[in-house]
């Protein structure tokens, strides 16, 4: 599970669309969305939808989604960019601590990218998926180091793009 502060820590601008996507994909909790709405209200955004969202209860999932949808219609954001922000935060969270056990690390990276739907821009390679890498070659500490660095480089490049285009 991610938190709104994870976006801020990476220099990514939080939008209502981003919150909607993260909530729908069960990557963010309703409580976080409500707290964000309260913060926006305190900062002067007194639109009725923000007020209503700030006063919502966490178990009002559908109501919260509907309010977010109304707020999305008032902003100029793109699904693709907001989804990329979410993906970058998820990858960043996964890469924060490099696994000491290279086999578990390889499994964690594969699980990460499978959970993200194995997008075409994924830097990760899974043994036997569109390659002839043997298990001995794949499950090696050197391969984990290479793949971890490829993932870190992908994240760095992705964050540069996102920061420049938000």
N, C-alpha and C. Protein backbone atom coordinates (compact mmCIF):
# COMPACT_ATOMS: atom_id res chain seq x y z
N UNK A 1 0.85 -1.17 0.00
CA UNK A 1 0.00 0.00 0.00
C UNK A 1 0.90 1.24 0.00
N UNK A 2 0.51 2.21 -0.78
CA UNK A 2 1.28 3.45 -0.85
C UNK A 2 0.53 4.56 -0.12
N UNK A 3 1.23 5.66 0.09
CA UNK A 3 0.65 6.82 0.73
C UNK A 3 0.89 8.04 -0.16
N UNK A 4 0.08 9.06 0.03
CA UNK A 4 0.21 10.27 -0.79
C UNK A 4 1.60 10.89 -0.63
N UNK A 5 2.16 10.79 0.56
CA UNK A 5 3.49 11.37 0.78
C UNK A 5 4.55 10.73 -0.12
N UNK A 6 4.31 9.49 -0.56
CA UNK A 6 5.27 8.83 -1.46
C UNK A 6 5.41 9.58 -2.77
N UNK A 7 4.31 10.14 -3.27
CA UNK A 7 4.36 10.94 -4.50
C UNK A 7 5.14 12.23 -4.25
N UNK A 8 4.84 12.87 -3.13
CA UNK A 8 5.51 14.12 -2.79
C UNK A 8 7.02 13.93 -2.63
N UNK A 9 7.41 12.83 -2.01
CA UNK A 9 8.84 12.54 -1.80
C UNK A 9 9.59 12.39 -3.11
N UNK A 10 8.89 11.99 -4.15
CA UNK A 10 9.53 11.82 -5.46
C UNK A 10 9.36 13.04 -6.35
N UNK A 11 8.75 14.09 -5.82
CA UNK A 11 8.56 15.31 -6.60
C UNK A 11 7.46 15.20 -7.63
N UNK A 12 6.49 14.34 -7.37
CA UNK A 12 5.38 14.14 -8.29
C UNK A 12 4.15 14.87 -7.78
N UNK A 13 3.53 15.63 -8.66
CA UNK A 13 2.35 16.41 -8.33
C UNK A 13 1.14 15.49 -8.18
N UNK A 14 0.43 15.64 -7.08
CA UNK A 14 -0.74 14.81 -6.82
C UNK A 14 -1.97 15.47 -7.44
N UNK A 15 -2.72 14.71 -8.20
CA UNK A 15 -3.95 15.19 -8.81
C UNK A 15 -5.11 14.33 -8.31
N UNK A 16 -6.32 14.84 -8.52
CA UNK A 16 -7.51 14.06 -8.14
C UNK A 16 -7.58 12.80 -8.99
N UNK A 17 -7.17 12.87 -10.25
CA UNK A 17 -7.18 11.69 -11.12
C UNK A 17 -6.20 10.63 -10.59
N UNK A 18 -5.05 11.07 -10.16
CA UNK A 18 -4.07 10.14 -9.60
C UNK A 18 -4.65 9.43 -8.37
N UNK A 19 -5.30 10.19 -7.51
CA UNK A 19 -5.91 9.59 -6.32
C UNK A 19 -7.00 8.60 -6.71
N UNK A 20 -7.80 8.96 -7.70
CA UNK A 20 -8.87 8.08 -8.17
C UNK A 20 -8.29 6.76 -8.69
N UNK A 21 -7.28 6.86 -9.53
CA UNK A 21 -6.66 5.66 -10.11
C UNK A 21 -6.05 4.80 -9.00
N UNK A 22 -5.31 5.41 -8.10
CA UNK A 22 -4.66 4.66 -7.02
C UNK A 22 -5.70 4.00 -6.11
N UNK A 23 -6.78 4.70 -5.85
CA UNK A 23 -7.85 4.14 -5.02
C UNK A 23 -8.53 2.97 -5.73
N UNK A 24 -8.85 3.13 -7.00
CA UNK A 24 -9.50 2.06 -7.77
C UNK A 24 -8.61 0.83 -7.90
N UNK A 25 -7.31 1.05 -7.97
CA UNK A 25 -6.38 -0.08 -8.09
C UNK A 25 -5.96 -0.62 -6.73
N UNK A 26 -6.64 -0.14 -5.68
CA UNK A 26 -6.40 -0.60 -4.31
C UNK A 26 -4.95 -0.43 -3.87
N UNK A 27 -4.36 0.67 -4.32
CA UNK A 27 -3.00 1.01 -3.92
C UNK A 27 -2.98 2.11 -2.86
N UNK A 28 -4.14 2.71 -2.62
CA UNK A 28 -4.29 3.84 -1.70
C UNK A 28 -5.55 3.62 -0.89
N UNK A 29 -5.52 4.04 0.36
CA UNK A 29 -6.68 3.87 1.22
C UNK A 29 -7.56 5.12 1.21
N UNK A 30 -8.82 4.90 1.45
CA UNK A 30 -9.79 5.99 1.49
C UNK A 30 -9.40 7.04 2.52
N UNK A 31 -8.87 6.62 3.65
CA UNK A 31 -8.46 7.55 4.71
C UNK A 31 -7.44 8.57 4.18
N UNK A 32 -6.54 8.11 3.33
CA UNK A 32 -5.54 9.01 2.77
C UNK A 32 -6.18 10.06 1.86
N UNK A 33 -7.17 9.64 1.09
CA UNK A 33 -7.87 10.56 0.19
C UNK A 33 -8.61 11.61 1.02
N UNK A 34 -9.24 11.18 2.09
CA UNK A 34 -9.97 12.10 2.96
C UNK A 34 -9.01 13.10 3.61
N UNK A 35 -7.89 12.61 4.10
CA UNK A 35 -6.89 13.51 4.70
C UNK A 35 -6.36 14.51 3.68
N UNK A 36 -6.16 14.06 2.45
CA UNK A 36 -5.71 14.95 1.39
C UNK A 36 -6.76 16.03 1.12
N UNK A 37 -8.03 15.63 1.09
CA UNK A 37 -9.11 16.60 0.87
C UNK A 37 -9.15 17.63 2.00
N UNK A 38 -8.95 17.18 3.22
CA UNK A 38 -8.93 18.11 4.36
C UNK A 38 -7.78 19.10 4.20
N UNK A 39 -6.62 18.61 3.79
CA UNK A 39 -5.47 19.48 3.57
C UNK A 39 -5.76 20.51 2.47
N UNK A 40 -6.39 20.05 1.39
CA UNK A 40 -6.72 20.97 0.30
C UNK A 40 -7.74 22.02 0.76
N UNK A 41 -8.66 21.61 1.58
CA UNK A 41 -9.64 22.53 2.14
C UNK A 41 -8.96 23.58 3.01
N UNK A 42 -8.02 23.14 3.83
CA UNK A 42 -7.25 24.06 4.68
C UNK A 42 -6.42 25.03 3.86
N UNK A 43 -6.01 24.61 2.68
CA UNK A 43 -5.21 25.46 1.80
C UNK A 43 -6.06 26.35 0.90
N UNK A 44 -7.38 26.29 1.08
CA UNK A 44 -8.24 27.22 0.37
C UNK A 44 -9.08 26.66 -0.75
N UNK A 45 -8.98 25.38 -1.05
CA UNK A 45 -9.82 24.79 -2.09
C UNK A 45 -11.16 24.44 -1.45
N UNK A 46 -12.11 25.35 -1.59
CA UNK A 46 -13.39 25.16 -0.91
C UNK A 46 -14.52 24.73 -1.86
N UNK A 47 -14.15 24.06 -2.94
CA UNK A 47 -15.19 23.53 -3.83
C UNK A 47 -16.06 22.55 -3.04
N UNK A 48 -17.31 22.47 -3.40
CA UNK A 48 -18.25 21.63 -2.66
C UNK A 48 -17.81 20.16 -2.63
N UNK A 49 -17.22 19.69 -3.74
CA UNK A 49 -16.78 18.29 -3.79
C UNK A 49 -15.64 18.04 -2.80
N UNK A 50 -14.74 19.01 -2.67
CA UNK A 50 -13.62 18.87 -1.72
C UNK A 50 -14.17 18.88 -0.30
N UNK A 51 -15.12 19.78 -0.02
CA UNK A 51 -15.74 19.83 1.32
C UNK A 51 -16.42 18.51 1.65
N UNK A 52 -17.17 18.00 0.68
CA UNK A 52 -17.88 16.75 0.90
C UNK A 52 -16.90 15.59 1.07
N UNK A 53 -15.85 15.59 0.30
CA UNK A 53 -14.82 14.54 0.41
C UNK A 53 -14.13 14.61 1.77
N UNK A 54 -13.84 15.82 2.23
CA UNK A 54 -13.19 15.99 3.53
C UNK A 54 -14.06 15.48 4.67
N UNK A 55 -15.37 15.51 4.47
CA UNK A 55 -16.29 15.05 5.51
C UNK A 55 -16.77 13.62 5.33
N UNK A 56 -16.24 12.94 4.35
CA UNK A 56 -16.68 11.56 4.07
C UNK A 56 -16.11 10.59 5.11
N UNK A 57 -16.73 9.44 5.17
CA UNK A 57 -16.24 8.34 6.01
C UNK A 57 -15.49 7.35 5.13
N UNK A 58 -14.47 6.72 5.69
CA UNK A 58 -13.62 5.82 4.92
C UNK A 58 -14.38 4.63 4.34
N UNK A 59 -15.48 4.25 4.95
CA UNK A 59 -16.22 3.10 4.43
C UNK A 59 -17.20 3.48 3.32
N UNK A 60 -17.21 4.74 2.92
CA UNK A 60 -18.08 5.21 1.83
C UNK A 60 -17.31 5.18 0.50
N UNK A 61 -16.85 4.00 0.16
CA UNK A 61 -15.97 3.83 -0.99
C UNK A 61 -16.58 4.39 -2.28
N UNK A 62 -17.78 4.01 -2.59
CA UNK A 62 -18.41 4.45 -3.84
C UNK A 62 -18.63 5.97 -3.84
N UNK A 63 -19.04 6.50 -2.71
CA UNK A 63 -19.26 7.95 -2.60
C UNK A 63 -17.94 8.71 -2.83
N UNK A 64 -16.87 8.20 -2.24
CA UNK A 64 -15.56 8.83 -2.40
C UNK A 64 -15.13 8.77 -3.87
N UNK A 65 -15.32 7.64 -4.51
CA UNK A 65 -14.98 7.52 -5.93
C UNK A 65 -15.78 8.50 -6.77
N UNK A 66 -17.06 8.62 -6.48
CA UNK A 66 -17.91 9.53 -7.25
C UNK A 66 -17.47 10.98 -7.08
N UNK A 67 -17.11 11.37 -5.86
CA UNK A 67 -16.62 12.73 -5.63
C UNK A 67 -15.30 12.97 -6.36
N UNK A 68 -14.43 11.98 -6.32
CA UNK A 68 -13.17 12.11 -7.06
C UNK A 68 -13.44 12.26 -8.55
N UNK A 69 -14.39 11.51 -9.07
CA UNK A 69 -14.73 11.58 -10.49
C UNK A 69 -15.21 12.98 -10.85
N UNK A 70 -15.99 13.58 -9.97
CA UNK A 70 -16.46 14.95 -10.21
C UNK A 70 -15.29 15.93 -10.21
N UNK A 71 -14.34 15.74 -9.32
CA UNK A 71 -13.16 16.61 -9.25
C UNK A 71 -12.27 16.42 -10.48
N UNK A 72 -12.18 15.20 -10.97
CA UNK A 72 -11.39 14.92 -12.17
C UNK A 72 -11.91 15.73 -13.35
N UNK A 73 -13.22 15.84 -13.44
CA UNK A 73 -13.82 16.56 -14.58
C UNK A 73 -13.46 18.04 -14.57
N UNK A 74 -12.94 18.53 -13.45
CA UNK A 74 -12.58 19.94 -13.32
C UNK A 74 -11.08 20.19 -13.51
N UNK A 75 -10.33 19.13 -13.77
CA UNK A 75 -8.89 19.31 -13.96
C UNK A 75 -8.48 18.81 -15.33
N UNK A 76 -7.34 19.30 -15.78
CA UNK A 76 -6.82 18.93 -17.08
C UNK A 76 -5.67 17.95 -16.88
N UNK A 77 -6.01 16.67 -16.72
CA UNK A 77 -5.01 15.64 -16.49
C UNK A 77 -5.24 14.50 -17.47
N UNK A 78 -4.20 13.67 -17.61
CA UNK A 78 -4.27 12.55 -18.55
C UNK A 78 -4.10 11.24 -17.79
N UNK A 79 -4.93 10.28 -18.14
CA UNK A 79 -4.85 8.96 -17.51
C UNK A 79 -3.45 8.37 -17.59
N UNK A 80 -2.86 8.42 -18.78
CA UNK A 80 -1.56 7.79 -19.00
C UNK A 80 -0.49 8.34 -18.05
N UNK A 81 -0.41 9.64 -17.96
CA UNK A 81 0.61 10.25 -17.11
C UNK A 81 0.38 9.90 -15.64
N UNK A 82 -0.88 9.95 -15.21
CA UNK A 82 -1.18 9.66 -13.81
C UNK A 82 -0.93 8.19 -13.48
N UNK A 83 -1.21 7.31 -14.42
CA UNK A 83 -0.91 5.88 -14.22
C UNK A 83 0.60 5.65 -14.14
N UNK A 84 1.34 6.39 -14.92
CA UNK A 84 2.80 6.27 -14.89
C UNK A 84 3.35 6.75 -13.54
N UNK A 85 2.75 7.79 -13.00
CA UNK A 85 3.16 8.27 -11.66
C UNK A 85 2.94 7.17 -10.63
N UNK A 86 1.77 6.55 -10.69
CA UNK A 86 1.46 5.48 -9.74
C UNK A 86 2.46 4.34 -9.89
N UNK A 87 2.72 3.94 -11.13
CA UNK A 87 3.66 2.84 -11.36
C UNK A 87 5.05 3.20 -10.82
N UNK A 88 5.48 4.43 -11.03
CA UNK A 88 6.80 4.85 -10.55
C UNK A 88 6.88 4.78 -9.03
N UNK A 89 5.83 5.18 -8.35
CA UNK A 89 5.84 5.12 -6.88
C UNK A 89 5.87 3.68 -6.39
N UNK A 90 5.13 2.82 -7.06
CA UNK A 90 5.12 1.41 -6.68
C UNK A 90 6.51 0.80 -6.88
N UNK A 91 7.14 1.12 -8.00
CA UNK A 91 8.49 0.59 -8.27
C UNK A 91 9.49 1.17 -7.27
N UNK A 92 9.39 2.47 -7.00
CA UNK A 92 10.28 3.10 -6.03
C UNK A 92 10.18 2.41 -4.68
N UNK A 93 8.98 2.16 -4.24
CA UNK A 93 8.78 1.51 -2.94
C UNK A 93 9.42 0.12 -2.93
N UNK A 94 9.30 -0.60 -4.03
CA UNK A 94 9.87 -1.95 -4.13
C UNK A 94 11.40 -1.93 -4.16
N UNK A 95 11.97 -0.86 -4.72
CA UNK A 95 13.44 -0.80 -4.86
C UNK A 95 14.14 -0.13 -3.68
N UNK A 96 13.41 0.40 -2.75
CA UNK A 96 14.03 1.15 -1.65
C UNK A 96 15.07 0.34 -0.88
N UNK A 97 14.80 -0.94 -0.71
CA UNK A 97 15.75 -1.80 0.00
C UNK A 97 16.09 -2.98 -0.89
N UNK A 98 17.35 -3.08 -1.25
CA UNK A 98 17.78 -4.20 -2.09
C UNK A 98 17.84 -5.46 -1.24
N UNK A 99 17.22 -6.50 -1.73
CA UNK A 99 17.15 -7.75 -1.00
C UNK A 99 18.54 -8.37 -0.87
N UNK A 100 18.88 -8.82 0.32
CA UNK A 100 20.17 -9.48 0.54
C UNK A 100 20.23 -10.86 -0.08
N UNK A 101 19.08 -11.48 -0.25
CA UNK A 101 19.00 -12.80 -0.84
C UNK A 101 18.64 -12.63 -2.32
N UNK A 102 19.58 -12.91 -3.20
CA UNK A 102 19.37 -12.63 -4.62
C UNK A 102 18.22 -13.43 -5.23
N UNK A 103 17.97 -14.63 -4.77
CA UNK A 103 16.86 -15.40 -5.30
C UNK A 103 15.53 -14.74 -4.92
N UNK A 104 15.40 -14.37 -3.66
CA UNK A 104 14.19 -13.65 -3.23
C UNK A 104 14.08 -12.31 -3.95
N UNK A 105 15.21 -11.67 -4.18
CA UNK A 105 15.20 -10.40 -4.89
C UNK A 105 14.68 -10.55 -6.31
N UNK A 106 15.13 -11.59 -7.00
CA UNK A 106 14.64 -11.85 -8.36
C UNK A 106 13.15 -12.17 -8.35
N UNK A 107 12.73 -12.94 -7.38
CA UNK A 107 11.30 -13.27 -7.26
C UNK A 107 10.50 -12.00 -6.97
N UNK A 108 11.02 -11.15 -6.08
CA UNK A 108 10.33 -9.90 -5.76
C UNK A 108 10.19 -9.00 -6.99
N UNK A 109 11.24 -8.89 -7.77
CA UNK A 109 11.17 -8.06 -8.98
C UNK A 109 10.17 -8.64 -9.99
N UNK A 110 10.19 -9.94 -10.15
CA UNK A 110 9.24 -10.58 -11.07
C UNK A 110 7.81 -10.37 -10.59
N UNK A 111 7.60 -10.51 -9.29
CA UNK A 111 6.27 -10.31 -8.70
C UNK A 111 5.81 -8.86 -8.88
N UNK A 112 6.73 -7.93 -8.69
CA UNK A 112 6.43 -6.51 -8.87
C UNK A 112 5.90 -6.24 -10.27
N UNK A 113 6.65 -6.67 -11.28
CA UNK A 113 6.27 -6.36 -12.66
C UNK A 113 5.07 -7.18 -13.12
N UNK A 114 4.91 -8.37 -12.62
CA UNK A 114 3.70 -9.13 -12.93
C UNK A 114 2.48 -8.42 -12.34
N UNK A 115 2.63 -7.90 -11.13
CA UNK A 115 1.55 -7.15 -10.49
C UNK A 115 1.19 -5.88 -11.24
N UNK A 116 2.15 -5.34 -11.96
CA UNK A 116 1.91 -4.14 -12.77
C UNK A 116 1.43 -4.50 -14.18
N UNK A 117 1.17 -5.77 -14.40
CA UNK A 117 0.66 -6.21 -15.71
C UNK A 117 1.76 -6.40 -16.74
N UNK A 118 2.98 -6.47 -16.30
CA UNK A 118 4.15 -6.62 -17.16
C UNK A 118 4.06 -5.72 -18.39
N UNK A 119 4.09 -4.39 -18.15
CA UNK A 119 3.98 -3.44 -19.27
C UNK A 119 5.16 -3.55 -20.23
N UNK A 120 4.95 -3.05 -21.43
CA UNK A 120 5.97 -3.17 -22.47
C UNK A 120 7.26 -2.42 -22.13
N UNK A 121 7.18 -1.42 -21.26
CA UNK A 121 8.38 -0.66 -20.90
C UNK A 121 9.11 -1.24 -19.69
N UNK A 122 8.69 -2.39 -19.23
CA UNK A 122 9.31 -2.99 -18.06
C UNK A 122 10.79 -3.31 -18.33
N UNK A 123 11.66 -2.94 -17.40
CA UNK A 123 13.07 -3.25 -17.57
C UNK A 123 13.41 -4.67 -17.09
N UNK A 124 12.45 -5.32 -16.52
CA UNK A 124 12.73 -6.61 -15.90
C UNK A 124 12.63 -7.75 -16.91
N UNK A 125 13.43 -8.75 -16.70
CA UNK A 125 13.45 -9.95 -17.53
C UNK A 125 13.11 -11.13 -16.63
N UNK A 126 12.17 -11.94 -17.08
CA UNK A 126 11.82 -13.16 -16.35
C UNK A 126 12.38 -14.34 -17.12
N UNK A 127 13.04 -15.23 -16.41
CA UNK A 127 13.67 -16.38 -17.04
C UNK A 127 12.63 -17.18 -17.81
N UNK A 128 12.94 -17.43 -19.09
CA UNK A 128 12.07 -18.22 -19.94
C UNK A 128 10.97 -17.44 -20.64
N UNK A 129 10.78 -16.18 -20.29
CA UNK A 129 9.74 -15.37 -20.94
C UNK A 129 10.40 -14.58 -22.06
N UNK A 130 10.20 -15.05 -23.28
CA UNK A 130 10.77 -14.43 -24.48
C UNK A 130 12.30 -14.41 -24.46
N UNK A 131 12.90 -15.41 -23.82
CA UNK A 131 14.36 -15.50 -23.80
C UNK A 131 14.76 -16.96 -23.59
N UNK A 132 16.04 -17.21 -23.78
CA UNK A 132 16.59 -18.56 -23.60
C UNK A 132 17.52 -18.63 -22.41
N UNK A 133 17.34 -17.77 -21.45
CA UNK A 133 18.19 -17.75 -20.26
C UNK A 133 17.91 -19.01 -19.44
N UNK A 134 18.96 -19.70 -19.09
CA UNK A 134 18.80 -20.92 -18.29
C UNK A 134 18.55 -20.54 -16.83
N UNK A 135 17.95 -21.43 -16.06
CA UNK A 135 17.76 -21.15 -14.63
C UNK A 135 19.08 -20.84 -13.92
N UNK A 136 20.15 -21.54 -14.31
CA UNK A 136 21.46 -21.30 -13.68
C UNK A 136 21.94 -19.87 -13.96
N UNK A 137 21.72 -19.40 -15.19
CA UNK A 137 22.12 -18.03 -15.54
C UNK A 137 21.22 -17.01 -14.85
N UNK A 138 19.93 -17.32 -14.81
CA UNK A 138 18.98 -16.36 -14.25
C UNK A 138 19.13 -16.23 -12.74
N UNK A 139 19.15 -17.37 -12.06
CA UNK A 139 19.22 -17.35 -10.60
C UNK A 139 20.68 -17.28 -10.14
N UNK A 140 21.28 -16.16 -10.48
CA UNK A 140 22.68 -15.90 -10.09
C UNK A 140 22.75 -14.50 -9.49
N UNK A 141 23.63 -14.33 -8.54
CA UNK A 141 23.74 -13.04 -7.86
C UNK A 141 24.08 -11.92 -8.84
N UNK A 142 24.92 -12.22 -9.83
CA UNK A 142 25.28 -11.20 -10.82
C UNK A 142 24.08 -10.76 -11.65
N UNK A 143 23.19 -11.69 -11.98
CA UNK A 143 22.00 -11.35 -12.74
C UNK A 143 21.07 -10.48 -11.91
N UNK A 144 20.94 -10.80 -10.62
CA UNK A 144 20.11 -9.97 -9.75
C UNK A 144 20.65 -8.54 -9.70
N UNK A 145 21.95 -8.43 -9.55
CA UNK A 145 22.57 -7.09 -9.50
C UNK A 145 22.29 -6.32 -10.79
N UNK A 146 22.43 -6.99 -11.93
CA UNK A 146 22.18 -6.35 -13.23
C UNK A 146 20.72 -5.92 -13.34
N UNK A 147 19.80 -6.82 -13.00
CA UNK A 147 18.37 -6.50 -13.12
C UNK A 147 17.94 -5.43 -12.12
N UNK A 148 18.50 -5.46 -10.93
CA UNK A 148 18.18 -4.43 -9.94
C UNK A 148 18.62 -3.06 -10.47
N UNK A 149 19.81 -3.00 -11.03
CA UNK A 149 20.32 -1.74 -11.58
C UNK A 149 19.50 -1.29 -12.79
N UNK A 150 19.07 -2.23 -13.62
CA UNK A 150 18.21 -1.88 -14.76
C UNK A 150 16.90 -1.27 -14.27
N UNK A 151 16.35 -1.84 -13.21
CA UNK A 151 15.12 -1.32 -12.63
C UNK A 151 15.35 0.07 -12.04
N UNK A 152 16.46 0.25 -11.35
CA UNK A 152 16.78 1.55 -10.75
C UNK A 152 16.97 2.61 -11.84
N UNK A 153 17.64 2.23 -12.93
CA UNK A 153 17.84 3.16 -14.05
C UNK A 153 16.50 3.50 -14.71
N UNK A 154 15.64 2.50 -14.87
CA UNK A 154 14.31 2.74 -15.44
C UNK A 154 13.57 3.75 -14.57
N UNK A 155 13.61 3.55 -13.27
CA UNK A 155 12.91 4.45 -12.35
C UNK A 155 13.45 5.86 -12.44
N UNK A 156 14.75 6.01 -12.48
CA UNK A 156 15.36 7.34 -12.57
C UNK A 156 14.90 8.05 -13.86
N UNK A 157 14.94 7.35 -14.96
CA UNK A 157 14.53 7.91 -16.25
C UNK A 157 13.04 8.25 -16.23
N UNK A 158 12.25 7.37 -15.68
CA UNK A 158 10.79 7.58 -15.62
C UNK A 158 10.47 8.80 -14.75
N UNK A 159 11.12 8.93 -13.62
CA UNK A 159 10.88 10.08 -12.74
C UNK A 159 11.29 11.39 -13.41
N UNK A 160 12.39 11.38 -14.15
CA UNK A 160 12.80 12.58 -14.88
C UNK A 160 11.72 12.98 -15.88
N UNK A 161 11.20 12.01 -16.60
CA UNK A 161 10.14 12.27 -17.57
C UNK A 161 8.88 12.82 -16.88
N UNK A 162 8.47 12.16 -15.83
CA UNK A 162 7.25 12.56 -15.13
C UNK A 162 7.36 13.96 -14.54
N UNK A 163 8.49 14.26 -13.94
CA UNK A 163 8.68 15.60 -13.35
C UNK A 163 8.65 16.68 -14.42
N UNK A 164 9.17 16.36 -15.58
CA UNK A 164 9.22 17.34 -16.67
C UNK A 164 7.87 17.52 -17.36
N UNK A 165 6.98 16.54 -17.23
CA UNK A 165 5.74 16.57 -17.99
C UNK A 165 4.47 16.66 -17.16
N UNK A 166 4.61 16.95 -15.88
CA UNK A 166 3.38 17.02 -15.07
C UNK A 166 2.79 18.41 -15.05
